[in-house]
Each structure stands twice: as C-alpha cells, then as structure tokens.
Amino acid sequence: MDHPQIVGWAHSKFGKAPEDNLIDLIASVVPDALTHAGVEAADVDGIYVGVYNNGFSPQAFEGSLVGMAVPELAHVPAMHLENACATGSAALYAAMDFVAAGRGKIALVVGAEKMTTTPTSQAGDIMLTASYRAEECESENGFAGVFGQIASSYFQANGDHSLELAMISSKNHAHGMLNPYAHMHKEFSVDFCNTVSDKNPLVAGPLRRTDCSLISDGAAALVIAHPDVAADLERAISFRARNQVNDVLALSRRDPTEFAGARGAWQKSLAEAGVTLDDLSLVETHDCFTIAELLEYEAMGLAPRGQGGRVIREGVTRRDGKLPVNPSGGLKSRGHPLGATGVSQHVMAAMQLAGDAGTMQIDGATMAGVFNMGGAAVANYVSIMERVK
C-alpha cells in the first residue's frame, strides 16, 4: 500500500485545560495544524474526529464540532470515531484509509477530550465502559481496578515486579520533564515510586498512584496527505506499516497478561515494514498503567513472556538506552485525554522523525514505532513511521 503521509501537526498542552469545552479544545489545535502543514481549510477533503466522551461531555455528535470551532471547515465531510483509549488512532487510520481509497487528497485528524471537570468517581465509571461491564463493572477504582487485577495475575505467575513498575514510572516522569506539552513536570525517584505512602498510596491491587496515568484534558491534530500532494509540501512523515489487531473484550476469556492482540499487531507491522526492533530509534507506547508498559515490552518482542522486568532493569528503554520508549513521558507523564492520546502519540513520533522534538529529541531518530491500545489490549494499533523529507 502507498500509505498517505503526515504533513503537519499541532498539540495542546495536556493537563487541566483553560478551554471550557471540546469546541474550544479543537479550536486550539486545528488552525495551527493547517498552518504547520502549509494548507488551507479549503484544501481539506475529509475530517476525522476522535473523542471518547461516553459521558465526559454532554455534547455528542463530535464530528460536527470541528466546523463549529473553525467555520471555514463547516461544509467538509466530517466523521466521529470512538474505539476506547485507541480512539485517536482509529480516527487517524480512518483518515488514511479515506485518502488511500482515493476519496480525497488531504484529511484532517483531530483527537480531543475534556475530562478534568468530571468528578473522579464518575470519571472512573465512564472509563469502565471500555471494559466488559457484565463481568468487570465492579472493579475497584475504575479502570485502575482492571489493570490492578492484571498486575496481580502477572505477579502471581512471575513474582513481585513492583520495583520494575516503579522504575518504569520514574523513567517516564524523567522523560516528561523534557516535554513542554506534558501534564506533569515532576520527577519521582524509583524509591518514591516503589514505596507505599500517604503521597503514593495503593490504588488497586499492587498498583500505586505512581503506577497510574493522569486524568487530563487536551487535543492534538494531524494533517494527512496523499504522497503526490505531500511531495510539494515542506515535510512528510511516512508509514512503513500500520496494523490493527483485536482481542476478546472479556478478560475471563483470555490470558490478560499475554497481550496477544498487541503482540499480533507488532508482528504484522514489523513484518510489513520489513524491519526489526533493532531498526527503530524510539517507541511511543501506551503506558496507561506501568504494568501495561511492562507487558508491552514482552508483546513487542524486547523480552520473552514473564521477563519484561529485565528490559527496564537493564536500562534498554531509557533515553540513553538501546530503544528509548516514551521519550515524551508517555501517558504516565504527558497525560491521557482519551480521544487525543493516539493522535498525540503519532505527533510525538512525527516530531522526533522531523528533528523538531526540541528538548525531547532523540539524536539521529530515523524510524519510530507507535503502539496505542483500546481497553485492556483489546483494540491494538501499531504504526512504523519514518521521514520522507
């Protein structure tokens, strides 16, 4: 497939946003993304919007909100997509399919979420809609309870890996200190992350507060173009491969520590791209909880099952390691506004490949992997990206 290419982007600061609603969040990134791409609103043939919502906002029909935020886009065909925490990647892949199918030459992708105005208890219940509620709705502390159960199962099978989870958390917060868009600019030592205290209490199972990503507001946007159009623009980031692999929603019907869908997505994309992990300069992965990043090390092939802890112990995934993982700080530090996350991850990777990542820059970055998942590794997306110009 001759994949469409990323030609521009924009990213808001994640955290507690001053914007009151989704329209204003969208308005904060779309004009900048078009300017960055060097295209006009009149050049856009299709709009793809990723917002999870499910109760975070009383306003639905999110595809129409781009035209409210930027009136020049009001008559462009627009579509809303939702695929749990992989909502942003779902919007991106749909936009790329639109261009690849010849329906248009330029597409705009927007991911956004306004979460911080929702009470924490209500937010937890909303996020549980990405689980199999018939069996998992009673999880303590919302989705943290789901991943707390996964962590407990992993520890039972492979021993206590609390220290390794603390090391992942500390790493990602150190990386996030270099990211001006990150929700939290605060370093945490491994000892702090590994110690249960009033400031770092247990949340669910063996997971502590420092093992859990943040409830955030934010938006990100990408401009996608056909390669023929991208050839005349300032920059182009291409996809060597992009694949989605799903797994069963109910944890009771699979081994929840296997992340089989994630493994399948990685295998398909690496094979399609004709590369190995050794060819990647960095990976942006979905660390909604530190146990997720640990399991993703195994799923992507950095270590056999049950041995992911050695990856972080050996420093493989630090900025100065063999394969930096989450140089942006990941969801843990950058934040996790659900609909924006997948778009954000691809923006972070594109910035690295373009040499425009500023203080986050990994020297000589030539190829990046992105892994974004919806639910507990149910909808799994893996992109392999490189710079064209």
Protein backbone atom coordinates (compact mmCIF):
# COMPACT_ATOMS: atom_id res chain seq x y z
CA MET A 1 0.00 0.00 0.00
CA ASP A 2 1.19 3.52 -0.82
CA HIS A 3 0.40 4.95 2.61
CA PRO A 4 -0.71 8.58 2.99
CA GLN A 5 1.77 10.79 4.82
CA ILE A 6 1.72 13.17 7.77
CA VAL A 7 2.47 16.70 6.57
CA GLY A 8 1.63 18.81 9.62
CA TRP A 9 0.51 18.72 13.22
CA ALA A 10 -0.37 20.65 16.36
CA HIS A 11 -0.58 19.69 20.01
CA SER A 12 -2.06 21.44 23.04
CA LYS A 13 -0.55 21.28 26.48
CA PHE A 14 -2.14 18.40 28.34
CA GLY A 15 -3.45 18.83 31.86
CA LYS A 16 -6.28 20.93 33.25
CA ALA A 17 -7.03 22.99 30.17
CA PRO A 18 -8.35 26.55 30.33
CA GLU A 19 -10.76 25.73 27.49
CA ASP A 20 -14.25 25.02 28.80
CA ASN A 21 -15.43 22.58 26.14
CA LEU A 22 -14.49 20.37 23.22
CA ILE A 23 -15.13 23.06 20.62
CA ASP A 24 -12.56 25.35 22.21
CA LEU A 25 -10.07 22.49 22.61
CA ILE A 26 -10.44 21.65 18.93
CA ALA A 27 -10.08 25.32 18.01
CA SER A 28 -6.80 25.42 19.93
CA VAL A 29 -5.09 22.97 17.54
CA VAL A 30 -6.77 22.84 14.13
CA PRO A 31 -5.67 26.24 12.72
CA ASP A 32 -2.11 25.61 13.88
CA ALA A 33 -2.05 22.15 12.27
CA LEU A 34 -3.22 23.56 8.94
CA THR A 35 -0.63 26.34 9.11
CA HIS A 36 2.10 23.88 10.02
CA ALA A 37 1.16 21.72 7.02
CA GLY A 38 1.05 24.72 4.70
CA VAL A 39 -2.52 24.03 3.56
CA GLU A 40 -5.76 25.99 3.69
CA ALA A 41 -9.10 24.92 5.12
CA ALA A 42 -10.40 24.82 1.54
CA ASP A 43 -7.83 22.10 0.74
CA VAL A 44 -9.26 19.66 3.32
CA ASP A 45 -11.39 16.88 1.79
CA GLY A 46 -12.36 14.99 4.94
CA ILE A 47 -12.29 15.38 8.72
CA TYR A 48 -11.92 12.54 11.22
CA VAL A 49 -12.52 13.28 14.89
CA GLY A 50 -11.55 11.05 17.81
CA VAL A 51 -13.43 11.74 21.06
CA TYR A 52 -14.27 9.02 23.58
CA ASN A 53 -16.85 11.02 25.56
CA ASN A 54 -19.36 8.41 26.88
CA GLY A 55 -20.36 11.00 29.47
CA PHE A 56 -17.35 13.28 29.85
CA SER A 57 -19.23 15.88 27.81
CA PRO A 58 -22.99 16.43 27.40
CA GLN A 59 -22.32 17.41 23.78
CA ALA A 60 -22.08 14.46 21.40
CA PHE A 61 -22.07 14.48 17.54
CA GLU A 62 -18.39 15.34 17.82
CA GLY A 63 -17.62 15.21 14.11
CA SER A 64 -19.66 18.38 13.66
CA LEU A 65 -17.67 20.27 16.29
CA VAL A 66 -14.70 20.97 14.01
CA GLY A 67 -16.96 23.08 11.81
CA MET A 68 -18.12 24.94 14.90
CA ALA A 69 -14.53 25.53 16.01
CA VAL A 70 -13.29 26.54 12.56
CA PRO A 71 -16.19 27.86 10.43
CA GLU A 72 -14.16 27.53 7.22
CA LEU A 73 -14.40 23.75 7.67
CA ALA A 74 -18.15 23.64 8.34
CA HIS A 75 -19.03 22.12 4.93
CA VAL A 76 -16.26 19.49 4.81
CA PRO A 77 -17.48 15.91 5.35
CA ALA A 78 -16.69 15.02 8.96
CA MET A 79 -16.89 11.80 10.94
CA HIS A 80 -16.59 10.90 14.62
CA LEU A 81 -14.84 7.71 15.72
CA GLU A 82 -14.61 6.02 19.12
CA ASN A 83 -12.53 2.97 20.00
CA ALA A 84 -11.88 3.31 23.74
CA CYS A 85 -8.36 4.58 24.54
CA ALA A 86 -7.36 3.92 20.91
CA THR A 87 -9.94 6.40 19.65
CA GLY A 88 -7.25 8.75 18.29
CA SER A 89 -5.57 6.01 16.27
CA ALA A 90 -8.95 4.86 14.96
CA ALA A 91 -9.55 8.38 13.63
CA LEU A 92 -6.06 8.51 12.10
CA TYR A 93 -6.35 5.14 10.38
CA ALA A 94 -9.80 6.00 9.03
CA ALA A 95 -8.42 9.25 7.59
CA MET A 96 -5.55 7.35 5.99
CA ASP A 97 -7.99 4.82 4.51
CA PHE A 98 -10.03 7.73 3.10
CA VAL A 99 -7.00 9.16 1.31
CA ALA A 100 -5.61 5.76 0.27
CA ALA A 101 -9.00 4.87 -1.25
CA GLY A 102 -8.89 7.97 -3.46
CA ARG A 103 -11.82 9.66 -1.78
CA GLY A 104 -9.73 12.78 -1.14
CA LYS A 105 -6.19 14.12 -1.18
CA ILE A 106 -5.99 15.79 2.23
CA ALA A 107 -7.61 14.77 5.52
CA LEU A 108 -7.62 16.39 8.92
CA VAL A 109 -7.45 14.25 12.07
CA VAL A 110 -8.39 15.68 15.47
CA GLY A 111 -8.27 13.92 18.84
CA ALA A 112 -9.64 15.65 21.93
CA GLU A 113 -11.06 15.04 25.39
CA LYS A 114 -12.24 17.20 28.27
CA MET A 115 -12.01 15.06 31.42
CA THR A 116 -10.96 17.15 34.42
CA THR A 117 -14.35 18.78 35.02
CA THR A 118 -15.88 15.35 35.69
CA PRO A 119 -15.76 14.15 39.33
CA THR A 120 -13.15 11.43 39.80
CA SER A 121 -15.66 8.75 40.83
CA GLN A 122 -17.82 9.49 37.81
CA ALA A 123 -14.77 9.54 35.52
CA GLY A 124 -13.80 6.09 36.77
CA ASP A 125 -17.23 4.73 35.95
CA ILE A 126 -17.17 6.30 32.48
CA MET A 127 -13.80 4.72 31.71
CA LEU A 128 -15.13 1.32 32.78
CA THR A 129 -17.36 1.45 29.71
CA ALA A 130 -14.18 0.34 27.87
CA SER A 131 -14.26 -2.92 29.84
CA TYR A 132 -16.69 -5.84 29.68
CA ARG A 133 -19.14 -4.40 32.16
CA ALA A 134 -21.14 -7.60 32.59
CA GLU A 135 -18.16 -9.05 34.44
CA GLU A 136 -15.80 -6.17 35.20
CA CYS A 137 -18.05 -3.31 36.30
CA GLU A 138 -17.33 -3.88 39.99
CA SER A 139 -13.59 -3.25 39.62
CA GLU A 140 -12.32 -1.04 42.42
CA ASN A 141 -11.27 2.45 41.37
CA GLY A 142 -12.48 2.21 37.79
CA PHE A 143 -10.08 1.05 35.13
CA ALA A 144 -7.23 1.00 37.64
CA GLY A 145 -9.01 -1.99 39.12
CA VAL A 146 -8.91 -3.81 35.80
CA PHE A 147 -5.17 -3.29 35.46
CA GLY A 148 -4.70 -3.98 39.17
CA GLN A 149 -6.15 -7.44 38.51
CA ILE A 150 -3.82 -7.88 35.53
CA ALA A 151 -0.82 -6.84 37.66
CA SER A 152 -1.84 -9.26 40.42
CA SER A 153 -2.10 -12.11 37.91
CA TYR A 154 1.30 -11.26 36.47
CA PHE A 155 2.90 -11.14 39.93
CA GLN A 156 1.35 -14.48 40.86
CA ALA A 157 2.82 -16.10 37.77
CA ASN A 158 6.19 -14.34 37.65
CA GLY A 159 6.93 -12.92 41.09
CA ASP A 160 6.65 -9.42 42.53
CA HIS A 161 7.70 -6.83 39.95
CA SER A 162 6.79 -3.74 41.97
CA LEU A 163 10.35 -2.44 41.68
CA GLU A 164 10.31 -2.71 37.90
CA LEU A 165 6.97 -0.87 37.74
CA ALA A 166 8.49 1.86 39.90
CA MET A 167 11.45 2.08 37.52
CA ILE A 168 9.11 2.50 34.54
CA SER A 169 7.21 5.25 36.32
CA SER A 170 10.40 7.08 37.32
CA LYS A 171 11.75 6.79 33.76
CA ASN A 172 8.65 8.24 32.16
CA HIS A 173 8.46 11.13 34.60
CA ALA A 174 12.11 11.92 33.91
CA HIS A 175 11.36 11.90 30.17
CA GLY A 176 8.27 14.04 30.71
CA MET A 177 10.39 16.77 32.28
CA LEU A 178 11.70 17.41 28.75
CA ASN A 179 8.25 17.64 27.16
CA PRO A 180 6.66 21.12 27.18
CA TYR A 181 3.26 19.58 26.37
CA ALA A 182 3.26 17.17 29.34
CA HIS A 183 0.60 17.30 32.04
CA MET A 184 3.05 16.68 34.88
CA HIS A 185 6.52 18.18 35.09
CA LYS A 186 7.78 16.48 38.20
CA GLU A 187 10.48 13.89 38.69
CA PHE A 188 9.97 10.94 41.01
CA SER A 189 12.74 8.71 42.28
CA VAL A 190 12.48 4.96 41.97
CA ASP A 191 12.42 4.74 45.77
CA PHE A 192 9.46 7.11 45.98
CA CYS A 193 7.55 5.23 43.29
CA ASN A 194 8.32 1.91 44.97
CA THR A 195 7.21 2.98 48.46
CA VAL A 196 3.58 3.00 49.57
CA SER A 197 2.97 6.23 51.47
CA ASP A 198 0.36 8.91 52.09
CA LYS A 199 1.62 10.63 48.93
CA ASN A 200 1.80 7.40 46.97
CA PRO A 201 -0.98 5.11 48.22
CA LEU A 202 -2.09 1.81 46.79
CA VAL A 203 -4.85 2.36 44.23
CA ALA A 204 -5.81 -1.13 43.06
CA GLY A 205 -4.08 -4.46 43.59
CA PRO A 206 -0.31 -3.83 43.67
CA LEU A 207 -0.62 -0.60 41.67
CA ARG A 208 0.26 2.63 43.45
CA ARG A 209 -0.68 6.14 42.46
CA THR A 210 2.62 6.50 40.60
CA ASP A 211 1.69 3.44 38.51
CA CYS A 212 -1.41 5.15 37.08
CA SER A 213 -1.72 7.68 34.27
CA LEU A 214 -3.39 11.03 34.76
CA ILE A 215 -6.89 12.28 34.05
CA SER A 216 -6.23 15.04 31.55
CA ASP A 217 -7.69 17.49 29.08
CA GLY A 218 -6.08 18.04 25.72
CA ALA A 219 -6.19 17.98 21.95
CA ALA A 220 -3.89 17.10 19.07
CA ALA A 221 -4.27 17.30 15.30
CA LEU A 222 -2.61 15.80 12.24
CA VAL A 223 -2.86 16.70 8.57
CA ILE A 224 -2.69 13.66 6.26
CA ALA A 225 -1.95 13.94 2.55
CA HIS A 226 -1.58 11.71 -0.48
CA PRO A 227 2.12 11.26 -1.33
CA ASP A 228 1.62 13.21 -4.58
CA VAL A 229 0.42 16.20 -2.55
CA ALA A 230 3.00 15.74 0.20
CA ALA A 231 5.77 15.95 -2.39
CA ASP A 232 5.04 19.66 -2.78
CA LEU A 233 4.81 20.44 0.94
CA GLU A 234 7.53 21.24 3.44
CA ARG A 235 7.62 17.93 5.34
CA ALA A 236 6.40 14.37 5.02
CA ILE A 237 6.41 11.55 7.57
CA SER A 238 5.51 8.22 6.02
CA PHE A 239 4.19 4.91 7.34
CA ARG A 240 6.23 1.83 6.57
CA ALA A 241 3.35 -0.13 8.10
CA ARG A 242 0.17 0.29 10.13
CA ASN A 243 -1.96 -2.51 11.51
CA GLN A 244 -4.79 -3.11 13.94
CA VAL A 245 -5.32 -6.44 15.69
CA ASN A 246 -8.17 -7.01 18.15
CA ASP A 247 -8.55 -9.37 21.09
CA VAL A 248 -11.54 -10.60 23.13
CA LEU A 249 -13.11 -7.89 25.28
CA ALA A 250 -13.79 -10.07 28.34
CA LEU A 251 -10.66 -10.75 30.40
CA SER A 252 -12.21 -14.01 31.59
CA ARG A 253 -12.00 -15.44 28.07
CA ARG A 254 -8.25 -14.94 27.54
CA ASP A 255 -4.97 -14.69 29.42
CA PRO A 256 -5.00 -10.99 30.37
CA THR A 257 -1.22 -10.92 30.88
CA GLU A 258 -0.46 -12.15 27.35
CA PHE A 259 -1.46 -9.03 25.39
CA ALA A 260 -1.87 -11.34 22.41
CA GLY A 261 -3.52 -8.68 20.27
CA ALA A 262 -0.68 -6.28 20.93
CA ARG A 263 1.84 -8.95 20.02
CA GLY A 264 -0.04 -9.67 16.81
CA ALA A 265 -0.15 -6.00 15.82
CA TRP A 266 3.59 -5.64 16.41
CA GLN A 267 4.38 -8.79 14.44
CA LYS A 268 2.22 -7.73 11.49
CA SER A 269 3.62 -4.21 11.32
CA LEU A 270 7.28 -5.21 11.71
CA ALA A 271 6.83 -7.85 9.01
CA GLU A 272 5.02 -5.45 6.68
CA ALA A 273 7.72 -2.82 7.20
CA GLY A 274 10.49 -5.36 6.70
CA VAL A 275 12.29 -4.26 9.86
CA THR A 276 13.07 -5.46 13.38
CA LEU A 277 13.06 -3.65 16.71
CA ASP A 278 16.77 -3.02 16.16
CA ASP A 279 15.86 -0.68 13.29
CA LEU A 280 13.69 1.55 15.47
CA SER A 281 15.08 4.74 17.02
CA LEU A 282 12.26 5.05 19.55
CA VAL A 283 8.81 3.81 20.52
CA GLU A 284 5.84 5.71 21.87
CA THR A 285 3.76 3.12 23.73
CA HIS A 286 0.53 3.05 25.70
CA ASP A 287 1.51 3.16 29.39
CA CYS A 288 -1.93 3.87 30.84
CA PHE A 289 -0.54 1.91 33.80
CA THR A 290 3.05 0.86 34.36
CA ILE A 291 2.07 -2.82 34.17
CA ALA A 292 0.86 -2.11 30.63
CA GLU A 293 4.28 -0.85 29.55
CA LEU A 294 5.93 -3.89 31.15
CA LEU A 295 3.62 -6.25 29.27
CA GLU A 296 4.16 -4.28 26.07
CA TYR A 297 7.91 -4.90 26.32
CA GLU A 298 7.08 -8.57 26.06
CA ALA A 299 4.43 -8.10 23.37
CA MET A 300 6.74 -6.11 21.10
CA GLY A 301 9.49 -8.70 21.50
CA LEU A 302 12.01 -6.99 23.78
CA ALA A 303 11.82 -9.94 26.19
CA PRO A 304 10.12 -13.33 26.47
CA ARG A 305 6.88 -13.58 28.43
CA GLY A 306 7.45 -13.15 32.15
CA GLN A 307 10.82 -11.44 31.65
CA GLY A 308 9.81 -7.88 30.75
CA GLY A 309 11.27 -6.60 34.01
CA ARG A 310 14.80 -7.14 32.80
CA VAL A 311 14.21 -4.62 29.99
CA ILE A 312 13.82 -1.72 32.41
CA ARG A 313 16.41 -3.06 34.85
CA GLU A 314 19.00 -3.08 32.06
CA GLY A 315 18.06 0.47 31.01
CA VAL A 316 17.10 -0.59 27.48
CA THR A 317 14.14 1.80 27.29
CA ARG A 318 15.67 4.92 28.81
CA ARG A 319 16.56 7.89 26.59
CA ASP A 320 20.16 6.72 26.51
CA GLY A 321 19.21 3.04 26.11
CA LYS A 322 19.16 0.79 23.07
CA LEU A 323 15.48 1.54 22.34
CA PRO A 324 14.07 4.64 24.07
CA VAL A 325 10.44 4.05 25.00
CA ASN A 326 8.17 7.03 25.67
CA PRO A 327 10.74 9.83 25.32
CA SER A 328 7.70 12.14 25.52
CA GLY A 329 6.94 10.89 29.04
CA GLY A 330 4.18 8.61 27.80
CA LEU A 331 0.65 8.65 29.14
CA LYS A 332 2.12 8.46 32.63
CA SER A 333 3.64 11.95 32.48
CA ARG A 334 2.33 13.51 29.24
CA GLY A 335 -1.25 12.73 30.27
CA HIS A 336 -4.08 10.64 28.86
CA PRO A 337 -7.01 12.63 27.45
CA LEU A 338 -8.63 9.54 25.95
CA GLY A 339 -9.61 10.72 22.48
CA ALA A 340 -6.41 12.69 21.99
CA THR A 341 -3.91 10.03 23.06
CA GLY A 342 -3.49 8.09 19.81
CA VAL A 343 -3.15 11.31 17.79
CA SER A 344 -0.73 12.68 20.38
CA GLN A 345 1.48 9.59 20.19
CA HIS A 346 1.76 9.94 16.42
CA VAL A 347 2.51 13.66 16.74
CA MET A 348 5.28 12.91 19.24
CA ALA A 349 6.80 10.32 16.88
CA ALA A 350 6.50 12.63 13.87
CA MET A 351 8.23 15.44 15.76
CA GLN A 352 11.13 13.11 16.55
CA LEU A 353 11.48 11.96 12.95
CA ALA A 354 11.32 15.52 11.64
CA GLY A 355 14.03 16.59 14.11
CA ASP A 356 11.55 19.03 15.65
CA ALA A 357 11.18 17.47 19.12
CA GLY A 358 13.26 20.14 20.88
CA THR A 359 14.38 19.09 24.33
CA MET A 360 12.78 15.65 23.79
CA GLN A 361 14.81 14.96 20.64
CA ILE A 362 16.47 11.56 20.28
CA ASP A 363 19.62 12.21 18.24
CA GLY A 364 19.54 10.70 14.78
CA ALA A 365 15.98 9.39 15.00
CA THR A 366 15.13 7.76 11.67
CA MET A 367 12.30 5.30 12.40
CA ALA A 368 9.70 5.14 15.15
CA GLY A 369 7.12 2.69 16.41
CA VAL A 370 3.79 3.72 17.95
CA PHE A 371 1.57 1.40 19.97
CA ASN A 372 -1.89 2.57 21.06
CA MET A 373 -4.49 0.29 22.60
CA GLY A 374 -8.16 0.50 23.45
CA GLY A 375 -9.32 -1.19 26.64
CA ALA A 376 -7.08 -3.82 28.21
CA ALA A 377 -5.22 -4.61 24.96
CA VAL A 378 -8.48 -5.18 23.05
CA ALA A 379 -8.07 -2.80 20.09
CA ASN A 380 -4.35 -2.72 19.26
CA TYR A 381 -2.72 -0.36 16.75
CA VAL A 382 0.93 -0.40 15.70
CA SER A 383 2.45 2.13 13.29
CA ILE A 384 6.00 2.05 11.92
CA MET A 385 6.95 5.56 10.77
CA GLU A 386 9.89 7.19 9.00
CA ARG A 387 10.75 10.54 7.50
CA VAL A 388 10.45 11.13 3.76
CA LYS A 389 11.56 14.74 3.87
